[in-house]
Amino acid sequence: MFQLGVHAIISIIIYLIAIGLAFQAMKAVQLNKIVRKGRVFETQLLYLFGAIALGFLVGNFVITFIDTSMQLSNLF
């Protein structure tokens, strides 16, 4: 049970870090050229949702990679 709790905390931390890094990376994208003028709130919401989606995908990859690499010890 304790191991599941530790895994959950590590997963949450990885997701938050990945979302934060994705948000920083999304700042480089100029969505103002795509979104209509005067739609500031919608543009910020698109940045936020894009960062969450990208951060979730990256975090999920990292968590799956760590879990899979830990299972390699069962091979030997």
Protein backbone atom coordinates (compact mmCIF):
# COMPACT_ATOMS: atom_id res chain seq x y z
CA MET A 1 0.00 0.00 0.00
CA PHE A 2 2.79 2.41 0.86
CA GLN A 3 4.40 1.81 -2.52
CA LEU A 4 1.17 2.80 -4.29
CA GLY A 5 1.05 6.05 -2.33
CA VAL A 6 4.64 6.90 -3.21
CA HIS A 7 3.93 6.10 -6.87
CA ALA A 8 0.89 8.40 -6.81
CA ILE A 9 2.85 11.30 -5.30
CA ILE A 10 5.69 10.87 -7.79
CA SER A 11 3.18 10.75 -10.65
CA ILE A 12 1.50 13.97 -9.52
CA ILE A 13 4.86 15.72 -9.22
CA ILE A 14 5.92 14.54 -12.69
CA TYR A 15 2.61 15.73 -14.18
CA LEU A 16 2.91 19.16 -12.55
CA ILE A 17 6.50 19.60 -13.70
CA ALA A 18 5.61 18.49 -17.24
CA ILE A 19 2.63 20.87 -17.39
CA GLY A 20 4.79 23.73 -16.11
CA LEU A 21 7.46 23.04 -18.72
CA ALA A 22 4.83 22.72 -21.44
CA PHE A 23 3.35 26.07 -20.39
CA GLN A 24 6.78 27.68 -20.71
CA ALA A 25 7.22 26.09 -24.13
CA MET A 26 3.75 27.25 -25.24
CA LYS A 27 4.79 30.85 -24.64
CA ALA A 28 6.99 30.58 -27.73
CA VAL A 29 3.95 29.87 -29.93
CA GLN A 30 2.27 32.96 -31.33
CA LEU A 31 -1.40 32.08 -31.26
CA ASN A 32 -2.34 35.72 -31.75
CA LYS A 33 -1.88 35.25 -35.47
CA ILE A 34 -4.37 32.38 -35.51
CA VAL A 35 -7.02 33.63 -33.07
CA ARG A 36 -9.23 36.62 -33.92
CA LYS A 37 -8.25 40.01 -32.52
CA GLY A 38 -9.81 41.00 -29.23
CA ARG A 39 -10.13 37.41 -27.99
CA VAL A 40 -7.57 37.64 -25.19
CA PHE A 41 -9.38 35.37 -22.73
CA GLU A 42 -9.93 32.66 -25.33
CA THR A 43 -6.28 32.82 -26.38
CA GLN A 44 -5.12 32.44 -22.78
CA LEU A 45 -7.52 29.54 -22.30
CA LEU A 46 -6.15 27.89 -25.43
CA TYR A 47 -2.61 28.30 -24.06
CA LEU A 48 -3.67 26.73 -20.77
CA PHE A 49 -5.49 23.78 -22.34
CA GLY A 50 -2.65 23.22 -24.79
CA ALA A 51 -0.12 23.21 -21.97
CA ILE A 52 -2.22 20.78 -19.91
CA ALA A 53 -2.67 18.44 -22.88
CA LEU A 54 1.02 18.53 -23.84
CA GLY A 55 2.13 18.21 -20.22
CA PHE A 56 -0.17 15.25 -19.67
CA LEU A 57 1.21 13.46 -22.72
CA VAL A 58 4.83 14.11 -21.76
CA GLY A 59 4.20 13.20 -18.11
CA ASN A 60 2.41 10.02 -19.12
CA PHE A 61 5.36 9.08 -21.32
CA VAL A 62 7.85 9.67 -18.49
CA ILE A 63 5.77 7.72 -15.95
CA THR A 64 5.25 4.81 -18.34
CA PHE A 65 8.94 4.81 -19.24
CA ILE A 66 9.94 4.69 -15.56
CA ASP A 67 7.42 1.93 -14.77
CA THR A 68 8.53 -0.13 -17.75
CA SER A 69 12.21 0.29 -16.95
CA MET A 70 11.58 -0.81 -13.36
CA GLN A 71 9.92 -3.97 -14.67
CA LEU A 72 13.06 -4.84 -16.61
CA SER A 73 14.55 -6.15 -13.38
CA ASN A 74 12.09 -9.06 -13.63
CA LEU A 75 13.80 -10.13 -16.85
CA PHE A 76 17.04 -11.13 -15.15
